[in-house]
Amino acid sequence: MGMNVGSSSGSDEPEVMMDVNTTPLIDVMLVLLVMLIITIPIQLHSVNLDMPPPNNQTPPKEPTVVELFIDFDGVVSWNGVPVASMAELDSRLGEQAQMAVADQAEIHIKPNKLVEYGVVAAVMASVQRHGLTKMGMVGNEQFAK
């Protein structure tokens, strides 16, 4: 609220002025608003990501898999074809061992749950003896029934 200094009412009390001049306040607010709008950075509608460099190499080929089924009576099958003897199994494993390490087949041994451990151990030893490192035991649902 403001006051009138030179009143004509004759009393010693100054008169209270009821009007407030708001023009300077509005001018200041407009100047602040314009400065705020000017100083706001322009928003980009994109996301900058650090992407890895493109890989132009050919994807590795799928490995070949040799499944060695060992039946409950000790018969070994090479991908479903019965092997006549351990000598024939050794010769087939020798062929795989002569390949480059990257081209060697994965050997999946699938023993029947009723087969003697000695037969499974003999097959695993034969695979190891030939230096084939991609060997694993796989559950055999076919023989488990």
C-alpha atoms as a PDB file:
ATOM      1  CA  MET A   1       0.000   0.000   0.000  1.00  0.00           C
ATOM      2  CA  GLY A   2       1.187   3.456  -0.696  1.00  0.00           C
ATOM      3  CA  MET A   3       0.625   6.810   0.999  1.00  0.00           C
ATOM      4  CA  ASN A   4      -0.193  10.231  -0.233  1.00  0.00           C
ATOM      5  CA  VAL A   5       2.299  12.716   1.165  1.00  0.00           C
ATOM      6  CA  GLY A   6       0.674  16.078   0.475  1.00  0.00           C
ATOM      7  CA  SER A   7      -2.919  15.620   1.490  1.00  0.00           C
ATOM      8  CA  SER A   8      -5.491  18.388   1.326  1.00  0.00           C
ATOM      9  CA  SER A   9      -7.690  17.132   4.127  1.00  0.00           C
ATOM     10  CA  GLY A  10      -6.138  19.325   6.801  1.00  0.00           C
ATOM     11  CA  SER A  11      -5.382  16.562   9.228  1.00  0.00           C
ATOM     12  CA  ASP A  12      -1.902  15.598  10.215  1.00  0.00           C
ATOM     13  CA  GLU A  13      -2.511  11.986   9.241  1.00  0.00           C
ATOM     14  CA  PRO A  14      -1.576  11.139   5.663  1.00  0.00           C
ATOM     15  CA  GLU A  15      -4.254   9.553   3.514  1.00  0.00           C
ATOM     16  CA  VAL A  16      -3.925   5.922   2.592  1.00  0.00           C
ATOM     17  CA  MET A  17      -3.622   5.358  -1.136  1.00  0.00           C
ATOM     18  CA  MET A  18      -5.665   2.346  -2.288  1.00  0.00           C
ATOM     19  CA  ASP A  19      -4.269   1.945  -5.821  1.00  0.00           C
ATOM     20  CA  VAL A  20      -1.009   0.096  -6.482  1.00  0.00           C
ATOM     21  CA  ASN A  21       0.831   0.620  -9.729  1.00  0.00           C
ATOM     22  CA  THR A  22       1.487  -2.941 -11.003  1.00  0.00           C
ATOM     23  CA  THR A  23       2.935  -1.965 -14.383  1.00  0.00           C
ATOM     24  CA  PRO A  24       6.602  -2.151 -13.230  1.00  0.00           C
ATOM     25  CA  LEU A  25       5.996  -5.585 -11.686  1.00  0.00           C
ATOM     26  CA  ILE A  26       4.449  -6.919 -14.887  1.00  0.00           C
ATOM     27  CA  ASP A  27       7.325  -5.478 -16.920  1.00  0.00           C
ATOM     28  CA  VAL A  28       9.885  -7.185 -14.696  1.00  0.00           C
ATOM     29  CA  MET A  29       8.016 -10.508 -14.886  1.00  0.00           C
ATOM     30  CA  LEU A  30       7.811 -10.312 -18.691  1.00  0.00           C
ATOM     31  CA  VAL A  31      11.535  -9.587 -18.935  1.00  0.00           C
ATOM     32  CA  LEU A  32      12.304 -12.560 -16.674  1.00  0.00           C
ATOM     33  CA  LEU A  33       9.988 -14.809 -18.700  1.00  0.00           C
ATOM     34  CA  VAL A  34      11.631 -13.819 -21.993  1.00  0.00           C
ATOM     35  CA  MET A  35      15.109 -14.412 -20.526  1.00  0.00           C
ATOM     36  CA  LEU A  36      14.044 -17.822 -19.245  1.00  0.00           C
ATOM     37  CA  ILE A  37      12.685 -18.824 -22.656  1.00  0.00           C
ATOM     38  CA  ILE A  38      15.854 -17.662 -24.397  1.00  0.00           C
ATOM     39  CA  THR A  39      18.216 -19.448 -22.024  1.00  0.00           C
ATOM     40  CA  ILE A  40      16.423 -22.853 -22.100  1.00  0.00           C
ATOM     41  CA  PRO A  41      18.453 -25.179 -24.329  1.00  0.00           C
ATOM     42  CA  ILE A  42      16.741 -26.593 -27.367  1.00  0.00           C
ATOM     43  CA  GLN A  43      15.576 -30.135 -26.624  1.00  0.00           C
ATOM     44  CA  LEU A  44      16.633 -32.769 -29.102  1.00  0.00           C
ATOM     45  CA  HIS A  45      14.263 -35.675 -29.561  1.00  0.00           C
ATOM     46  CA  SER A  46      16.994 -38.247 -29.956  1.00  0.00           C
ATOM     47  CA  VAL A  47      18.984 -40.465 -27.654  1.00  0.00           C
ATOM     48  CA  ASN A  48      22.734 -40.628 -28.118  1.00  0.00           C
ATOM     49  CA  LEU A  49      24.030 -44.174 -27.604  1.00  0.00           C
ATOM     50  CA  ASP A  50      27.563 -45.453 -27.694  1.00  0.00           C
ATOM     51  CA  MET A  51      27.080 -48.432 -29.985  1.00  0.00           C
ATOM     52  CA  PRO A  52      29.753 -51.087 -30.451  1.00  0.00           C
ATOM     53  CA  PRO A  53      31.525 -51.141 -33.794  1.00  0.00           C
ATOM     54  CA  PRO A  54      29.958 -53.380 -36.430  1.00  0.00           C
ATOM     55  CA  ASN A  55      31.138 -56.961 -36.491  1.00  0.00           C
ATOM     56  CA  ASN A  56      31.823 -57.990 -40.078  1.00  0.00           C
ATOM     57  CA  GLN A  57      33.045 -61.459 -39.216  1.00  0.00           C
ATOM     58  CA  THR A  58      31.048 -64.441 -40.338  1.00  0.00           C
ATOM     59  CA  PRO A  59      29.234 -66.188 -37.515  1.00  0.00           C
ATOM     60  CA  PRO A  60      30.799 -69.444 -36.379  1.00  0.00           C
ATOM     61  CA  LYS A  61      29.321 -72.534 -37.972  1.00  0.00           C
ATOM     62  CA  GLU A  62      27.271 -74.919 -35.916  1.00  0.00           C
ATOM     63  CA  PRO A  63      29.352 -77.814 -34.578  1.00  0.00           C
ATOM     64  CA  THR A  64      28.628 -81.323 -35.709  1.00  0.00           C
ATOM     65  CA  VAL A  65      27.364 -83.607 -32.979  1.00  0.00           C
ATOM     66  CA  VAL A  66      28.129 -87.300 -32.598  1.00  0.00           C
ATOM     67  CA  GLU A  67      25.748 -89.069 -30.243  1.00  0.00           C
ATOM     68  CA  LEU A  68      27.118 -92.222 -28.650  1.00  0.00           C
ATOM     69  CA  PHE A  69      24.199 -94.229 -27.278  1.00  0.00           C
ATOM     70  CA  ILE A  70      25.151 -96.969 -24.838  1.00  0.00           C
ATOM     71  CA  ASP A  71      22.352 -99.509 -24.502  1.00  0.00           C
ATOM     72  CA  PHE A  72      21.591-101.437 -21.286  1.00  0.00           C
ATOM     73  CA  ASP A  73      23.536-104.481 -22.536  1.00  0.00           C
ATOM     74  CA  GLY A  74      26.649-102.420 -23.446  1.00  0.00           C
ATOM     75  CA  VAL A  75      26.027-102.012 -27.189  1.00  0.00           C
ATOM     76  CA  VAL A  76      27.429 -98.673 -28.388  1.00  0.00           C
ATOM     77  CA  SER A  77      25.652 -96.851 -31.220  1.00  0.00           C
ATOM     78  CA  TRP A  78      27.234 -94.034 -33.292  1.00  0.00           C
ATOM     79  CA  ASN A  79      24.359 -91.627 -34.165  1.00  0.00           C
ATOM     80  CA  GLY A  80      21.899 -94.519 -33.934  1.00  0.00           C
ATOM     81  CA  VAL A  81      23.992 -97.021 -35.931  1.00  0.00           C
ATOM     82  CA  PRO A  82      25.353 -99.868 -33.758  1.00  0.00           C
ATOM     83  CA  VAL A  83      29.146-100.133 -33.614  1.00  0.00           C
ATOM     84  CA  ALA A  84      30.397-103.705 -34.081  1.00  0.00           C
ATOM     85  CA  SER A  85      33.323-103.510 -31.674  1.00  0.00           C
ATOM     86  CA  MET A  86      35.447-101.157 -29.590  1.00  0.00           C
ATOM     87  CA  ALA A  87      38.066-101.274 -32.387  1.00  0.00           C
ATOM     88  CA  GLU A  88      35.554 -99.787 -34.814  1.00  0.00           C
ATOM     89  CA  LEU A  89      34.651 -97.122 -32.243  1.00  0.00           C
ATOM     90  CA  ASP A  90      38.356 -96.342 -31.843  1.00  0.00           C
ATOM     91  CA  SER A  91      38.788 -95.957 -35.615  1.00  0.00           C
ATOM     92  CA  ARG A  92      35.816 -93.569 -35.859  1.00  0.00           C
ATOM     93  CA  LEU A  93      37.101 -91.544 -32.923  1.00  0.00           C
ATOM     94  CA  GLY A  94      40.555 -91.508 -34.576  1.00  0.00           C
ATOM     95  CA  GLU A  95      39.011 -89.971 -37.722  1.00  0.00           C
ATOM     96  CA  GLN A  96      37.461 -87.221 -35.584  1.00  0.00           C
ATOM     97  CA  ALA A  97      40.768 -86.645 -33.783  1.00  0.00           C
ATOM     98  CA  GLN A  98      42.612 -86.077 -37.071  1.00  0.00           C
ATOM     99  CA  MET A  99      40.420 -83.065 -37.874  1.00  0.00           C
ATOM    100  CA  ALA A 100      41.369 -79.560 -36.789  1.00  0.00           C
ATOM    101  CA  VAL A 101      40.290 -78.796 -33.227  1.00  0.00           C
ATOM    102  CA  ALA A 102      37.737 -76.233 -34.431  1.00  0.00           C
ATOM    103  CA  ASP A 103      36.177 -78.778 -36.820  1.00  0.00           C
ATOM    104  CA  GLN A 104      36.021 -81.700 -34.399  1.00  0.00           C
ATOM    105  CA  ALA A 105      32.570 -82.977 -33.553  1.00  0.00           C
ATOM    106  CA  GLU A 106      31.035 -82.711 -30.123  1.00  0.00           C
ATOM    107  CA  ILE A 107      30.748 -86.152 -28.546  1.00  0.00           C
ATOM    108  CA  HIS A 108      27.495 -86.587 -26.592  1.00  0.00           C
ATOM    109  CA  ILE A 109      27.513 -89.784 -24.568  1.00  0.00           C
ATOM    110  CA  LYS A 110      24.017 -91.009 -23.696  1.00  0.00           C
ATOM    111  CA  PRO A 111      24.186 -94.094 -21.494  1.00  0.00           C
ATOM    112  CA  ASN A 112      21.201 -96.132 -20.421  1.00  0.00           C
ATOM    113  CA  LYS A 113      20.595 -95.979 -16.689  1.00  0.00           C
ATOM    114  CA  LEU A 114      20.910 -99.801 -16.449  1.00  0.00           C
ATOM    115  CA  VAL A 115      24.272-100.122 -18.243  1.00  0.00           C
ATOM    116  CA  GLU A 116      27.346-101.133 -16.247  1.00  0.00           C
ATOM    117  CA  TYR A 117      29.663 -98.300 -15.324  1.00  0.00           C
ATOM    118  CA  GLY A 118      32.679-100.115 -16.819  1.00  0.00           C
ATOM    119  CA  VAL A 119      31.276 -99.848 -20.356  1.00  0.00           C
ATOM    120  CA  VAL A 120      30.627 -96.106 -19.972  1.00  0.00           C
ATOM    121  CA  ALA A 121      34.095 -95.600 -18.489  1.00  0.00           C
ATOM    122  CA  ALA A 122      35.679 -97.508 -21.395  1.00  0.00           C
ATOM    123  CA  VAL A 123      33.912 -95.311 -23.962  1.00  0.00           C
ATOM    124  CA  MET A 124      34.895 -92.140 -22.106  1.00  0.00           C
ATOM    125  CA  ALA A 125      38.509 -93.330 -21.853  1.00  0.00           C
ATOM    126  CA  SER A 126      38.574 -94.051 -25.572  1.00  0.00           C
ATOM    127  CA  VAL A 127      37.319 -90.545 -26.359  1.00  0.00           C
ATOM    128  CA  GLN A 128      39.925 -89.039 -24.040  1.00  0.00           C
ATOM    129  CA  ARG A 129      42.718 -91.217 -25.386  1.00  0.00           C
ATOM    130  CA  HIS A 130      42.149 -89.798 -28.881  1.00  0.00           C
ATOM    131  CA  GLY A 131      42.413 -86.237 -27.535  1.00  0.00           C
ATOM    132  CA  LEU A 132      38.826 -85.183 -28.225  1.00  0.00           C
ATOM    133  CA  THR A 133      37.999 -82.436 -25.752  1.00  0.00           C
ATOM    134  CA  LYS A 134      34.399 -81.668 -26.690  1.00  0.00           C
ATOM    135  CA  MET A 135      32.773 -84.486 -24.765  1.00  0.00           C
ATOM    136  CA  GLY A 136      29.804 -84.496 -22.436  1.00  0.00           C
ATOM    137  CA  MET A 137      27.314 -86.756 -20.731  1.00  0.00           C
ATOM    138  CA  VAL A 138      23.765 -86.165 -21.859  1.00  0.00           C
ATOM    139  CA  GLY A 139      20.570 -87.454 -20.266  1.00  0.00           C
ATOM    140  CA  ASN A 140      18.874 -90.083 -22.311  1.00  0.00           C
ATOM    141  CA  GLU A 141      15.088 -89.901 -22.177  1.00  0.00           C
ATOM    142  CA  GLN A 142      14.714 -92.557 -24.876  1.00  0.00           C
ATOM    143  CA  PHE A 143      16.252 -95.343 -22.763  1.00  0.00           C
ATOM    144  CA  ALA A 144      14.898 -94.124 -19.448  1.00  0.00           C
ATOM    145  CA  LYS A 145      11.361 -95.343 -20.220  1.00  0.00           C
END
